């Protein structure tokens, strides 16, 4: 049976986050607040946990989840060939609503799905998410919803869709923006936007002038 904890209560926050970290280490799923929407989270290095995440959402391996990180420097352990473009983007927009697709370190022992050697990474601008990530390390996190439904902006919405597939629901209050992150793909010669979101193409072009939008 799922459990629900209010992480906004400062007197129990550390206990809640410690329990979430323990649950993640055992391969079970969490729903956590982020700066954009609520996310369903799993240990990024547990293939069975990632598989359970995809199953809970009703997705296949062709839609691998992004990875949330506790600090920008973590990309050096996850991304192959971190370049000036990526460092400039993380310096400007992290923590924040920008997901960056890059080539993954080939030595990583993980299975996020059919990534074709890439990884999508983001550092969220949310104190609760960052506090948890500081305990767990990188987590595979996708929006907390079943496939085809809007992303949950509250724990109630997430629970209605995901039910007992999730062990712990972390309630951090309603997420005001309700907008998923902007996604930029840096794996090709010309960077391109894969999903529009809070970070605009005009802002991205200040850092990466040749980025192209969804309309090409």
N, C-alpha and C. Protein backbone atom coordinates (compact mmCIF):
# COMPACT_ATOMS: atom_id res chain seq x y z
N UNK A 1 0.84 -1.20 0.00
CA UNK A 1 0.00 0.00 0.00
C UNK A 1 0.88 1.25 0.00
N UNK A 2 0.51 2.22 -0.80
CA UNK A 2 1.29 3.44 -0.92
C UNK A 2 1.25 4.27 0.35
N UNK A 3 2.32 5.04 0.57
CA UNK A 3 2.38 5.96 1.68
C UNK A 3 2.52 7.38 1.15
N UNK A 4 2.01 8.32 1.93
CA UNK A 4 2.07 9.74 1.53
C UNK A 4 2.64 10.54 2.69
N UNK A 5 3.64 11.38 2.37
CA UNK A 5 4.27 12.21 3.38
C UNK A 5 4.31 13.67 2.92
N UNK A 6 4.11 14.58 3.86
CA UNK A 6 4.16 16.02 3.59
C UNK A 6 5.57 16.53 3.90
N UNK A 7 6.33 16.76 2.84
CA UNK A 7 7.73 17.16 3.02
C UNK A 7 7.86 18.63 3.40
N UNK A 8 6.75 19.38 3.36
CA UNK A 8 6.82 20.79 3.76
C UNK A 8 6.90 20.93 5.29
N UNK A 9 6.62 19.86 6.01
CA UNK A 9 6.71 19.90 7.48
C UNK A 9 8.18 19.73 7.88
N UNK A 10 8.77 20.80 8.35
CA UNK A 10 10.21 20.81 8.60
C UNK A 10 10.64 19.82 9.67
N UNK A 11 9.73 19.51 10.62
CA UNK A 11 10.12 18.63 11.72
C UNK A 11 10.28 17.17 11.29
N UNK A 12 9.66 16.79 10.17
CA UNK A 12 9.78 15.40 9.70
C UNK A 12 10.50 15.30 8.36
N UNK A 13 10.93 16.43 7.81
CA UNK A 13 11.47 16.44 6.44
C UNK A 13 12.66 15.49 6.28
N UNK A 14 13.61 15.56 7.17
CA UNK A 14 14.80 14.71 7.03
C UNK A 14 14.43 13.24 7.12
N UNK A 15 13.49 12.90 8.01
CA UNK A 15 13.06 11.51 8.13
C UNK A 15 12.38 11.04 6.85
N UNK A 16 11.56 11.90 6.26
CA UNK A 16 10.87 11.55 5.01
C UNK A 16 11.88 11.34 3.89
N UNK A 17 12.82 12.24 3.76
CA UNK A 17 13.80 12.14 2.68
C UNK A 17 14.71 10.93 2.86
N UNK A 18 15.05 10.63 4.11
CA UNK A 18 15.87 9.45 4.37
C UNK A 18 15.11 8.17 3.99
N UNK A 19 13.82 8.13 4.31
CA UNK A 19 13.01 6.96 3.96
C UNK A 19 12.85 6.85 2.44
N UNK A 20 12.69 7.97 1.78
CA UNK A 20 12.61 7.97 0.31
C UNK A 20 13.89 7.42 -0.31
N UNK A 21 15.02 7.83 0.23
CA UNK A 21 16.29 7.33 -0.27
C UNK A 21 16.40 5.83 -0.05
N UNK A 22 15.96 5.36 1.10
CA UNK A 22 16.00 3.92 1.38
C UNK A 22 15.12 3.15 0.39
N UNK A 23 13.92 3.67 0.16
CA UNK A 23 12.97 3.02 -0.76
C UNK A 23 13.53 2.99 -2.18
N UNK A 24 14.15 4.09 -2.58
CA UNK A 24 14.75 4.13 -3.91
C UNK A 24 15.85 3.10 -4.05
N UNK A 25 16.67 2.95 -3.02
CA UNK A 25 17.77 1.99 -3.06
C UNK A 25 17.27 0.55 -3.18
N UNK A 26 16.06 0.28 -2.72
CA UNK A 26 15.50 -1.07 -2.80
C UNK A 26 14.77 -1.31 -4.12
N UNK A 27 14.79 -0.32 -5.01
CA UNK A 27 14.21 -0.51 -6.34
C UNK A 27 12.75 -0.14 -6.46
N UNK A 28 12.21 0.52 -5.44
CA UNK A 28 10.81 0.93 -5.49
C UNK A 28 10.67 2.37 -6.00
N UNK A 29 9.43 2.75 -6.30
CA UNK A 29 9.17 4.02 -6.97
C UNK A 29 8.70 5.10 -6.00
N UNK A 30 9.03 6.34 -6.35
CA UNK A 30 8.61 7.52 -5.60
C UNK A 30 7.89 8.47 -6.54
N UNK A 31 7.01 9.28 -5.98
CA UNK A 31 6.53 10.48 -6.69
C UNK A 31 7.04 11.67 -5.90
N UNK A 32 7.72 12.59 -6.59
CA UNK A 32 8.37 13.71 -5.92
C UNK A 32 8.00 15.02 -6.59
N UNK A 33 8.03 16.12 -5.82
CA UNK A 33 7.82 17.43 -6.44
C UNK A 33 9.09 17.88 -7.17
N UNK A 34 8.91 18.57 -8.26
CA UNK A 34 10.02 19.26 -8.91
C UNK A 34 9.60 20.71 -9.14
N UNK A 35 10.45 21.49 -9.78
CA UNK A 35 10.12 22.89 -10.04
C UNK A 35 9.12 23.05 -11.17
N UNK A 36 8.85 21.98 -11.91
CA UNK A 36 7.91 22.09 -13.03
C UNK A 36 6.60 21.38 -12.69
N UNK A 37 6.63 20.05 -12.65
CA UNK A 37 5.46 19.24 -12.29
C UNK A 37 5.93 18.15 -11.32
N UNK A 38 5.01 17.31 -10.88
CA UNK A 38 5.42 16.16 -10.08
C UNK A 38 6.03 15.10 -10.99
N UNK A 39 7.01 14.37 -10.44
CA UNK A 39 7.69 13.35 -11.22
C UNK A 39 7.62 12.00 -10.53
N UNK A 40 7.60 10.94 -11.34
CA UNK A 40 7.72 9.58 -10.81
C UNK A 40 9.19 9.19 -10.95
N UNK A 41 9.78 8.75 -9.83
CA UNK A 41 11.24 8.61 -9.76
C UNK A 41 11.65 7.18 -9.43
N UNK A 42 12.80 6.79 -9.99
CA UNK A 42 13.39 5.47 -9.74
C UNK A 42 14.90 5.61 -9.74
N UNK A 43 15.56 4.69 -9.07
CA UNK A 43 17.02 4.62 -9.11
C UNK A 43 17.47 4.46 -10.56
N UNK A 44 18.24 5.42 -11.05
CA UNK A 44 18.65 5.40 -12.46
C UNK A 44 19.53 4.21 -12.79
N UNK A 45 20.15 3.61 -11.78
CA UNK A 45 21.07 2.50 -12.02
C UNK A 45 20.44 1.14 -11.72
N UNK A 46 19.12 1.11 -11.52
CA UNK A 46 18.39 -0.13 -11.33
C UNK A 46 17.50 -0.36 -12.54
N UNK A 47 17.87 -1.33 -13.39
CA UNK A 47 17.10 -1.60 -14.60
C UNK A 47 15.67 -2.01 -14.26
N UNK A 48 15.50 -2.79 -13.18
CA UNK A 48 14.15 -3.23 -12.82
C UNK A 48 13.30 -2.07 -12.33
N UNK A 49 13.92 -1.12 -11.61
CA UNK A 49 13.18 0.04 -11.13
C UNK A 49 12.75 0.94 -12.30
N UNK A 50 13.65 1.14 -13.25
CA UNK A 50 13.31 1.94 -14.43
C UNK A 50 12.21 1.25 -15.23
N UNK A 51 12.29 -0.06 -15.35
CA UNK A 51 11.26 -0.82 -16.06
C UNK A 51 9.91 -0.66 -15.36
N UNK A 52 9.92 -0.67 -14.02
CA UNK A 52 8.68 -0.49 -13.25
C UNK A 52 8.13 0.92 -13.45
N UNK A 53 9.01 1.91 -13.54
CA UNK A 53 8.58 3.29 -13.81
C UNK A 53 7.86 3.38 -15.14
N UNK A 54 8.45 2.80 -16.18
CA UNK A 54 7.83 2.85 -17.50
C UNK A 54 6.50 2.11 -17.51
N UNK A 55 6.45 0.97 -16.81
CA UNK A 55 5.21 0.20 -16.75
C UNK A 55 4.10 0.97 -16.03
N UNK A 56 4.47 1.68 -14.95
CA UNK A 56 3.48 2.46 -14.20
C UNK A 56 2.87 3.55 -15.07
N UNK A 57 3.68 4.13 -15.95
CA UNK A 57 3.20 5.18 -16.84
C UNK A 57 2.50 4.62 -18.09
N UNK A 58 2.66 3.32 -18.33
CA UNK A 58 2.11 2.74 -19.55
C UNK A 58 2.94 3.07 -20.77
N UNK A 59 4.25 3.18 -20.57
CA UNK A 59 5.17 3.49 -21.66
C UNK A 59 6.08 2.32 -21.95
N UNK A 60 6.62 2.31 -23.17
CA UNK A 60 7.58 1.30 -23.56
C UNK A 60 9.01 1.80 -23.45
N UNK A 61 9.93 0.94 -23.79
CA UNK A 61 11.36 1.28 -23.72
C UNK A 61 11.74 2.35 -24.74
N UNK A 62 10.87 2.62 -25.70
CA UNK A 62 11.16 3.63 -26.71
C UNK A 62 11.00 5.05 -26.17
N UNK A 63 10.55 5.18 -24.91
CA UNK A 63 10.39 6.51 -24.29
C UNK A 63 11.14 6.54 -22.97
N UNK A 64 12.47 6.49 -23.00
CA UNK A 64 13.27 6.43 -21.77
C UNK A 64 13.12 7.71 -20.94
N UNK A 65 13.19 7.58 -19.62
CA UNK A 65 13.03 8.75 -18.76
C UNK A 65 14.29 9.59 -18.69
N UNK A 66 14.14 10.89 -18.45
CA UNK A 66 15.29 11.74 -18.16
C UNK A 66 15.89 11.39 -16.80
N UNK A 67 17.07 11.95 -16.53
CA UNK A 67 17.76 11.73 -15.26
C UNK A 67 17.93 13.09 -14.58
N UNK A 68 17.46 13.17 -13.34
CA UNK A 68 17.65 14.39 -12.55
C UNK A 68 18.91 14.25 -11.71
N UNK A 69 19.66 15.35 -11.61
CA UNK A 69 20.94 15.33 -10.89
C UNK A 69 20.94 16.39 -9.80
N UNK A 70 21.74 16.18 -8.72
CA UNK A 70 21.74 17.11 -7.60
C UNK A 70 22.59 18.35 -7.81
N UNK A 71 23.52 18.28 -8.77
CA UNK A 71 24.40 19.42 -9.03
C UNK A 71 24.90 19.34 -10.47
N UNK A 72 25.29 20.49 -11.01
CA UNK A 72 25.69 20.54 -12.41
C UNK A 72 26.91 19.68 -12.70
N UNK A 73 27.83 19.58 -11.75
CA UNK A 73 29.07 18.83 -11.98
C UNK A 73 28.82 17.35 -12.20
N UNK A 74 27.65 16.85 -11.83
CA UNK A 74 27.32 15.44 -12.01
C UNK A 74 27.36 15.04 -13.47
N UNK A 75 27.16 16.01 -14.38
CA UNK A 75 27.14 15.66 -15.81
C UNK A 75 28.47 15.05 -16.26
N UNK A 76 29.56 15.38 -15.59
CA UNK A 76 30.85 14.83 -16.00
C UNK A 76 30.89 13.32 -15.82
N UNK A 77 30.09 12.79 -14.90
CA UNK A 77 30.04 11.35 -14.70
C UNK A 77 29.02 10.66 -15.57
N UNK A 78 28.10 11.42 -16.16
CA UNK A 78 27.02 10.83 -16.95
C UNK A 78 27.14 11.08 -18.45
N UNK A 79 27.78 12.17 -18.82
CA UNK A 79 27.82 12.60 -20.23
C UNK A 79 29.20 12.39 -20.81
N UNK A 80 29.24 11.88 -22.01
CA UNK A 80 30.50 11.66 -22.74
C UNK A 80 30.84 12.90 -23.54
N UNK A 81 31.99 13.49 -23.27
CA UNK A 81 32.43 14.65 -24.03
C UNK A 81 31.68 15.92 -23.69
N UNK A 82 31.63 16.25 -22.42
CA UNK A 82 31.01 17.52 -22.01
C UNK A 82 31.74 18.67 -22.69
N UNK A 83 31.01 19.49 -23.43
CA UNK A 83 31.65 20.57 -24.20
C UNK A 83 31.25 21.94 -23.66
N UNK A 84 31.79 22.97 -24.29
CA UNK A 84 31.55 24.34 -23.84
C UNK A 84 30.07 24.71 -23.92
N UNK A 85 29.37 24.19 -24.95
CA UNK A 85 27.94 24.50 -25.09
C UNK A 85 27.18 24.01 -23.86
N UNK A 86 27.45 22.77 -23.47
CA UNK A 86 26.72 22.21 -22.34
C UNK A 86 27.06 22.93 -21.05
N UNK A 87 28.32 23.23 -20.84
CA UNK A 87 28.71 23.95 -19.63
C UNK A 87 28.07 25.33 -19.57
N UNK A 88 27.98 25.99 -20.71
CA UNK A 88 27.36 27.32 -20.74
C UNK A 88 25.86 27.24 -20.47
N UNK A 89 25.21 26.21 -21.01
CA UNK A 89 23.77 26.04 -20.78
C UNK A 89 23.49 25.73 -19.31
N UNK A 90 24.29 24.86 -18.71
CA UNK A 90 24.05 24.52 -17.31
C UNK A 90 24.35 25.71 -16.40
N UNK A 91 25.37 26.48 -16.76
CA UNK A 91 25.70 27.66 -15.95
C UNK A 91 24.57 28.68 -15.98
N UNK A 92 23.90 28.79 -17.12
CA UNK A 92 22.84 29.80 -17.27
C UNK A 92 21.49 29.30 -16.75
N UNK A 93 21.14 28.06 -17.03
CA UNK A 93 19.77 27.61 -16.81
C UNK A 93 19.57 26.57 -15.71
N UNK A 94 20.66 26.10 -15.10
CA UNK A 94 20.51 25.14 -13.99
C UNK A 94 20.84 25.82 -12.68
N UNK A 95 20.15 25.49 -11.60
CA UNK A 95 18.96 24.64 -11.62
C UNK A 95 17.81 25.36 -12.32
N UNK A 96 16.99 24.59 -13.02
CA UNK A 96 15.88 25.19 -13.74
C UNK A 96 15.26 24.25 -14.76
N UNK A 97 14.28 24.75 -15.52
CA UNK A 97 13.46 23.91 -16.38
C UNK A 97 14.05 23.67 -17.78
N UNK A 98 15.31 23.24 -17.82
CA UNK A 98 15.94 22.89 -19.10
C UNK A 98 16.53 21.49 -19.00
N UNK A 99 16.04 20.60 -19.87
CA UNK A 99 16.58 19.25 -19.98
C UNK A 99 17.50 19.20 -21.19
N UNK A 100 18.68 18.62 -21.01
CA UNK A 100 19.68 18.56 -22.08
C UNK A 100 19.92 17.11 -22.46
N UNK A 101 19.73 16.80 -23.74
CA UNK A 101 20.05 15.47 -24.26
C UNK A 101 21.48 15.49 -24.78
N UNK A 102 22.29 14.55 -24.28
CA UNK A 102 23.70 14.47 -24.67
C UNK A 102 24.07 13.00 -24.82
N UNK A 103 25.28 12.75 -25.31
CA UNK A 103 25.78 11.38 -25.41
C UNK A 103 26.16 10.88 -24.02
N UNK A 104 25.72 9.67 -23.68
CA UNK A 104 25.97 9.12 -22.36
C UNK A 104 27.36 8.50 -22.28
N UNK A 105 27.93 8.51 -21.09
CA UNK A 105 29.18 7.81 -20.86
C UNK A 105 28.99 6.32 -21.19
N UNK A 106 29.76 5.78 -22.12
CA UNK A 106 29.55 4.38 -22.53
C UNK A 106 29.83 3.37 -21.43
N UNK A 107 30.57 3.78 -20.40
CA UNK A 107 30.93 2.84 -19.34
C UNK A 107 29.86 2.69 -18.27
N UNK A 108 28.79 3.49 -18.34
CA UNK A 108 27.77 3.47 -17.29
C UNK A 108 27.01 2.15 -17.28
N UNK A 109 26.83 1.59 -16.10
CA UNK A 109 26.11 0.34 -15.94
C UNK A 109 24.65 0.64 -15.60
N UNK A 110 23.89 0.99 -16.63
CA UNK A 110 22.48 1.27 -16.43
C UNK A 110 21.70 0.93 -17.68
N UNK A 111 20.36 0.93 -17.55
CA UNK A 111 19.48 0.63 -18.68
C UNK A 111 18.23 1.47 -18.52
N UNK A 112 18.22 2.62 -19.20
CA UNK A 112 17.09 3.54 -19.13
C UNK A 112 16.05 3.27 -20.20
N UNK A 113 16.32 2.30 -21.06
CA UNK A 113 15.45 2.03 -22.20
C UNK A 113 16.23 2.19 -23.49
N UNK A 114 15.51 2.40 -24.57
CA UNK A 114 16.15 2.52 -25.89
C UNK A 114 16.65 3.96 -26.09
N UNK A 115 17.78 4.26 -25.48
CA UNK A 115 18.33 5.62 -25.50
C UNK A 115 19.25 5.86 -26.69
N UNK A 116 19.67 4.78 -27.37
CA UNK A 116 20.62 4.90 -28.49
C UNK A 116 21.89 5.63 -28.06
N UNK A 117 22.31 5.34 -26.83
CA UNK A 117 23.57 5.90 -26.35
C UNK A 117 23.50 7.33 -25.85
N UNK A 118 22.29 7.83 -25.60
CA UNK A 118 22.14 9.21 -25.13
C UNK A 118 21.56 9.21 -23.72
N UNK A 119 21.58 10.38 -23.10
CA UNK A 119 20.93 10.57 -21.81
C UNK A 119 20.38 11.99 -21.75
N UNK A 120 19.20 12.13 -21.18
CA UNK A 120 18.59 13.45 -20.98
C UNK A 120 18.76 13.81 -19.51
N UNK A 121 19.40 14.94 -19.23
CA UNK A 121 19.73 15.30 -17.85
C UNK A 121 19.20 16.68 -17.50
N UNK A 122 18.86 16.83 -16.19
CA UNK A 122 18.37 18.13 -15.72
C UNK A 122 18.65 18.25 -14.23
N UNK A 123 18.91 19.46 -13.80
CA UNK A 123 19.00 19.79 -12.37
C UNK A 123 17.80 20.66 -12.02
N UNK A 124 16.86 20.13 -11.22
CA UNK A 124 15.64 20.88 -10.93
C UNK A 124 15.87 22.01 -9.91
N UNK A 125 15.07 23.04 -10.02
CA UNK A 125 15.17 24.17 -9.10
C UNK A 125 14.10 24.01 -8.02
N UNK A 126 14.27 22.99 -7.20
CA UNK A 126 13.30 22.70 -6.14
C UNK A 126 14.06 22.18 -4.93
N UNK A 127 13.87 22.80 -3.78
CA UNK A 127 14.67 22.45 -2.60
C UNK A 127 14.44 21.01 -2.15
N UNK A 128 13.20 20.53 -2.26
CA UNK A 128 12.91 19.17 -1.81
C UNK A 128 13.52 18.14 -2.75
N UNK A 129 13.37 18.37 -4.04
CA UNK A 129 13.96 17.45 -5.02
C UNK A 129 15.48 17.41 -4.88
N UNK A 130 16.10 18.57 -4.72
CA UNK A 130 17.56 18.61 -4.60
C UNK A 130 18.03 17.96 -3.30
N UNK A 131 17.27 18.13 -2.23
CA UNK A 131 17.64 17.49 -0.97
C UNK A 131 17.58 15.97 -1.10
N UNK A 132 16.58 15.47 -1.82
CA UNK A 132 16.48 14.02 -2.04
C UNK A 132 17.59 13.54 -2.95
N UNK A 133 17.84 14.25 -4.04
CA UNK A 133 18.90 13.85 -4.97
C UNK A 133 20.27 13.86 -4.30
N UNK A 134 20.43 14.75 -3.34
CA UNK A 134 21.69 14.77 -2.60
C UNK A 134 21.90 13.50 -1.80
N UNK A 135 20.81 12.83 -1.45
CA UNK A 135 20.90 11.57 -0.72
C UNK A 135 21.01 10.37 -1.66
N UNK A 136 20.35 10.44 -2.81
CA UNK A 136 20.24 9.27 -3.68
C UNK A 136 21.23 9.27 -4.84
N UNK A 137 21.69 10.45 -5.25
CA UNK A 137 22.39 10.55 -6.53
C UNK A 137 21.37 10.60 -7.66
N UNK A 138 21.82 10.45 -8.90
CA UNK A 138 20.92 10.60 -10.05
C UNK A 138 19.70 9.68 -9.98
N UNK A 139 18.53 10.25 -10.28
CA UNK A 139 17.29 9.49 -10.34
C UNK A 139 16.69 9.60 -11.73
N UNK A 140 16.18 8.49 -12.23
CA UNK A 140 15.38 8.52 -13.46
C UNK A 140 14.02 9.08 -13.07
N UNK A 141 13.62 10.17 -13.70
CA UNK A 141 12.38 10.85 -13.31
C UNK A 141 11.61 11.26 -14.56
N UNK A 142 10.37 10.81 -14.64
CA UNK A 142 9.47 11.22 -15.71
C UNK A 142 8.25 11.87 -15.07
N UNK A 143 7.51 12.64 -15.84
CA UNK A 143 6.33 13.30 -15.27
C UNK A 143 5.38 12.28 -14.66
N UNK A 144 4.78 12.64 -13.53
CA UNK A 144 3.93 11.71 -12.78
C UNK A 144 2.53 11.69 -13.39
N UNK A 145 2.38 10.86 -14.39
CA UNK A 145 1.09 10.69 -15.05
C UNK A 145 1.12 9.41 -15.86
N UNK A 146 -0.05 8.91 -16.19
CA UNK A 146 -0.11 7.80 -17.12
C UNK A 146 -0.04 8.35 -18.54
N UNK A 147 0.45 7.54 -19.45
CA UNK A 147 0.70 7.99 -20.82
C UNK A 147 -0.56 8.60 -21.44
N UNK A 148 -0.39 9.79 -22.01
CA UNK A 148 -1.50 10.47 -22.66
C UNK A 148 -2.27 11.42 -21.78
N UNK A 149 -2.02 11.37 -20.45
CA UNK A 149 -2.71 12.26 -19.52
C UNK A 149 -1.81 13.44 -19.17
N UNK A 150 -2.40 14.58 -18.73
CA UNK A 150 -1.58 15.73 -18.33
C UNK A 150 -0.69 15.39 -17.15
N UNK A 151 0.48 16.02 -17.08
CA UNK A 151 1.38 15.81 -15.96
C UNK A 151 0.74 16.31 -14.67
N UNK A 152 0.94 15.56 -13.59
CA UNK A 152 0.34 15.91 -12.31
C UNK A 152 0.99 17.16 -11.72
N UNK A 153 0.18 18.09 -11.25
CA UNK A 153 0.70 19.28 -10.57
C UNK A 153 0.46 19.20 -9.07
N UNK A 154 -0.14 18.09 -8.61
CA UNK A 154 -0.35 17.86 -7.18
C UNK A 154 -0.22 16.37 -6.91
N UNK A 155 0.01 16.05 -5.64
CA UNK A 155 0.09 14.64 -5.26
C UNK A 155 -1.24 13.94 -5.48
N UNK A 156 -2.34 14.63 -5.24
CA UNK A 156 -3.66 14.02 -5.44
C UNK A 156 -3.82 13.55 -6.89
N UNK A 157 -3.42 14.40 -7.84
CA UNK A 157 -3.52 14.03 -9.25
C UNK A 157 -2.63 12.84 -9.56
N UNK A 158 -1.43 12.83 -9.01
CA UNK A 158 -0.51 11.72 -9.26
C UNK A 158 -1.05 10.42 -8.68
N UNK A 159 -1.60 10.46 -7.47
CA UNK A 159 -2.14 9.27 -6.84
C UNK A 159 -3.32 8.70 -7.61
N UNK A 160 -4.13 9.59 -8.15
CA UNK A 160 -5.29 9.14 -8.91
C UNK A 160 -4.87 8.35 -10.15
N UNK A 161 -3.76 8.76 -10.77
CA UNK A 161 -3.30 8.09 -11.99
C UNK A 161 -2.42 6.89 -11.72
N UNK A 162 -1.56 6.97 -10.71
CA UNK A 162 -0.52 5.95 -10.53
C UNK A 162 -0.81 4.96 -9.41
N UNK A 163 -1.65 5.34 -8.46
CA UNK A 163 -2.11 4.42 -7.44
C UNK A 163 -1.00 3.70 -6.69
N UNK A 164 -1.20 2.40 -6.49
CA UNK A 164 -0.26 1.62 -5.68
C UNK A 164 0.98 1.17 -6.43
N UNK A 165 1.15 1.61 -7.67
CA UNK A 165 2.40 1.33 -8.38
C UNK A 165 3.58 2.09 -7.76
N UNK A 166 3.26 3.11 -6.98
CA UNK A 166 4.27 3.95 -6.33
C UNK A 166 4.28 3.66 -4.83
N UNK A 167 5.46 3.52 -4.26
CA UNK A 167 5.58 3.23 -2.84
C UNK A 167 5.32 4.47 -1.99
N UNK A 168 6.03 5.58 -2.30
CA UNK A 168 5.90 6.79 -1.50
C UNK A 168 5.55 7.98 -2.39
N UNK A 169 4.54 8.73 -1.96
CA UNK A 169 4.19 10.01 -2.59
C UNK A 169 4.67 11.13 -1.67
N UNK A 170 5.52 11.98 -2.20
CA UNK A 170 6.08 13.10 -1.44
C UNK A 170 5.29 14.36 -1.80
N UNK A 171 4.55 14.88 -0.84
CA UNK A 171 3.70 16.04 -1.07
C UNK A 171 4.46 17.32 -0.74
N UNK A 172 4.75 18.09 -1.78
CA UNK A 172 5.42 19.37 -1.58
C UNK A 172 4.56 20.55 -1.93
N UNK A 173 3.24 20.31 -2.03
CA UNK A 173 2.32 21.37 -2.41
C UNK A 173 2.09 21.40 -3.92
N UNK A 174 1.16 22.21 -4.34
CA UNK A 174 0.81 22.31 -5.76
C UNK A 174 1.94 22.96 -6.53
N UNK A 175 2.26 22.40 -7.67
CA UNK A 175 3.27 22.98 -8.55
C UNK A 175 2.61 24.04 -9.43
N UNK A 176 3.00 25.27 -9.25
CA UNK A 176 2.28 26.40 -9.84
C UNK A 176 2.41 26.45 -11.36
N UNK A 177 3.58 26.10 -11.91
CA UNK A 177 3.79 26.32 -13.34
C UNK A 177 3.01 25.32 -14.18
N UNK A 178 3.03 24.05 -13.80
CA UNK A 178 2.34 23.02 -14.57
C UNK A 178 2.93 22.80 -15.95
N UNK A 179 4.09 23.38 -16.21
CA UNK A 179 4.71 23.27 -17.53
C UNK A 179 5.96 22.40 -17.45
N UNK A 180 6.03 21.40 -18.31
CA UNK A 180 7.21 20.54 -18.35
C UNK A 180 8.40 21.32 -18.90
N UNK A 181 9.60 20.83 -18.63
CA UNK A 181 10.82 21.55 -19.00
C UNK A 181 11.01 21.62 -20.51
N UNK A 182 11.73 22.62 -20.93
CA UNK A 182 12.23 22.69 -22.31
C UNK A 182 13.28 21.60 -22.50
N UNK A 183 13.27 20.95 -23.66
CA UNK A 183 14.29 19.94 -23.95
C UNK A 183 15.10 20.37 -25.17
N UNK A 184 16.43 20.38 -25.02
CA UNK A 184 17.34 20.68 -26.13
C UNK A 184 18.23 19.46 -26.38
N UNK A 185 18.40 19.12 -27.64
CA UNK A 185 19.20 17.97 -28.03
C UNK A 185 20.55 18.46 -28.55
N UNK A 186 21.62 18.06 -27.86
CA UNK A 186 22.97 18.47 -28.26
C UNK A 186 23.74 17.34 -28.95
N UNK A 187 23.07 16.25 -29.28
CA UNK A 187 23.79 15.10 -29.82
C UNK A 187 24.09 15.19 -31.31
N UNK A 188 23.43 16.10 -32.01
CA UNK A 188 23.70 16.27 -33.43
C UNK A 188 24.55 17.52 -33.67
N UNK A 189 25.02 17.67 -34.89
CA UNK A 189 25.90 18.80 -35.19
C UNK A 189 25.21 20.13 -34.94
N UNK A 190 23.92 20.19 -35.28
CA UNK A 190 23.13 21.40 -35.04
C UNK A 190 22.17 21.13 -33.88
N UNK A 191 22.31 21.82 -32.76
CA UNK A 191 21.41 21.59 -31.63
C UNK A 191 19.97 21.96 -31.99
N UNK A 192 19.03 21.21 -31.41
CA UNK A 192 17.63 21.48 -31.74
C UNK A 192 16.75 21.33 -30.50
N UNK A 193 15.64 22.04 -30.51
CA UNK A 193 14.67 21.92 -29.43
C UNK A 193 13.76 20.74 -29.72
N UNK A 194 13.61 19.86 -28.74
CA UNK A 194 12.76 18.68 -28.87
C UNK A 194 11.39 18.94 -28.25
N UNK A 195 11.36 19.74 -27.19
CA UNK A 195 10.09 20.11 -26.56
C UNK A 195 10.16 21.55 -26.09
N UNK A 196 9.17 22.32 -26.41
CA UNK A 196 9.10 23.70 -25.95
C UNK A 196 8.63 23.74 -24.51
N UNK A 197 9.15 24.71 -23.76
CA UNK A 197 8.79 24.82 -22.35
C UNK A 197 9.13 26.20 -21.83
N UNK A 198 9.36 26.32 -20.53
CA UNK A 198 9.60 27.63 -19.92
C UNK A 198 10.82 28.37 -20.45
N UNK A 199 11.89 27.65 -20.82
CA UNK A 199 13.07 28.30 -21.40
C UNK A 199 12.81 28.47 -22.90
N UNK A 200 12.81 29.69 -23.37
CA UNK A 200 12.43 29.97 -24.76
C UNK A 200 13.61 29.79 -25.72
N UNK A 201 13.29 29.68 -27.01
CA UNK A 201 14.35 29.54 -28.02
C UNK A 201 15.19 30.80 -28.07
N UNK A 202 14.59 31.95 -27.79
CA UNK A 202 15.35 33.20 -27.79
C UNK A 202 16.40 33.19 -26.68
N UNK A 203 16.02 32.67 -25.52
CA UNK A 203 16.98 32.57 -24.41
C UNK A 203 18.09 31.57 -24.74
N UNK A 204 17.71 30.46 -25.34
CA UNK A 204 18.71 29.45 -25.70
C UNK A 204 19.69 29.99 -26.74
N UNK A 205 19.19 30.79 -27.67
CA UNK A 205 20.07 31.32 -28.72
C UNK A 205 21.09 32.32 -28.19
N UNK A 206 20.85 32.84 -27.00
CA UNK A 206 21.87 33.70 -26.39
C UNK A 206 23.11 32.89 -26.02
N UNK A 207 22.92 31.58 -25.80
CA UNK A 207 24.02 30.69 -25.44
C UNK A 207 24.44 29.83 -26.63
N UNK A 208 23.45 29.31 -27.36
CA UNK A 208 23.70 28.43 -28.50
C UNK A 208 23.01 29.06 -29.72
N UNK A 209 23.68 29.96 -30.42
CA UNK A 209 23.04 30.74 -31.47
C UNK A 209 22.44 29.92 -32.61
N UNK A 210 22.97 28.72 -32.87
CA UNK A 210 22.51 27.95 -34.02
C UNK A 210 21.41 26.95 -33.70
N UNK A 211 20.85 27.01 -32.48
CA UNK A 211 19.79 26.05 -32.14
C UNK A 211 18.57 26.29 -33.02
N UNK A 212 17.93 25.19 -33.43
CA UNK A 212 16.73 25.29 -34.26
C UNK A 212 15.52 24.85 -33.46
N UNK A 213 14.37 25.40 -33.80
CA UNK A 213 13.15 25.09 -33.08
C UNK A 213 12.40 23.91 -33.65
N UNK A 214 11.21 23.69 -33.14
CA UNK A 214 10.41 22.55 -33.59
C UNK A 214 10.01 22.66 -35.06
N UNK A 215 9.89 23.90 -35.52
CA UNK A 215 9.49 24.09 -36.93
C UNK A 215 10.68 24.03 -37.88
N UNK A 216 11.88 23.77 -37.33
CA UNK A 216 13.07 23.66 -38.17
C UNK A 216 13.60 25.00 -38.61
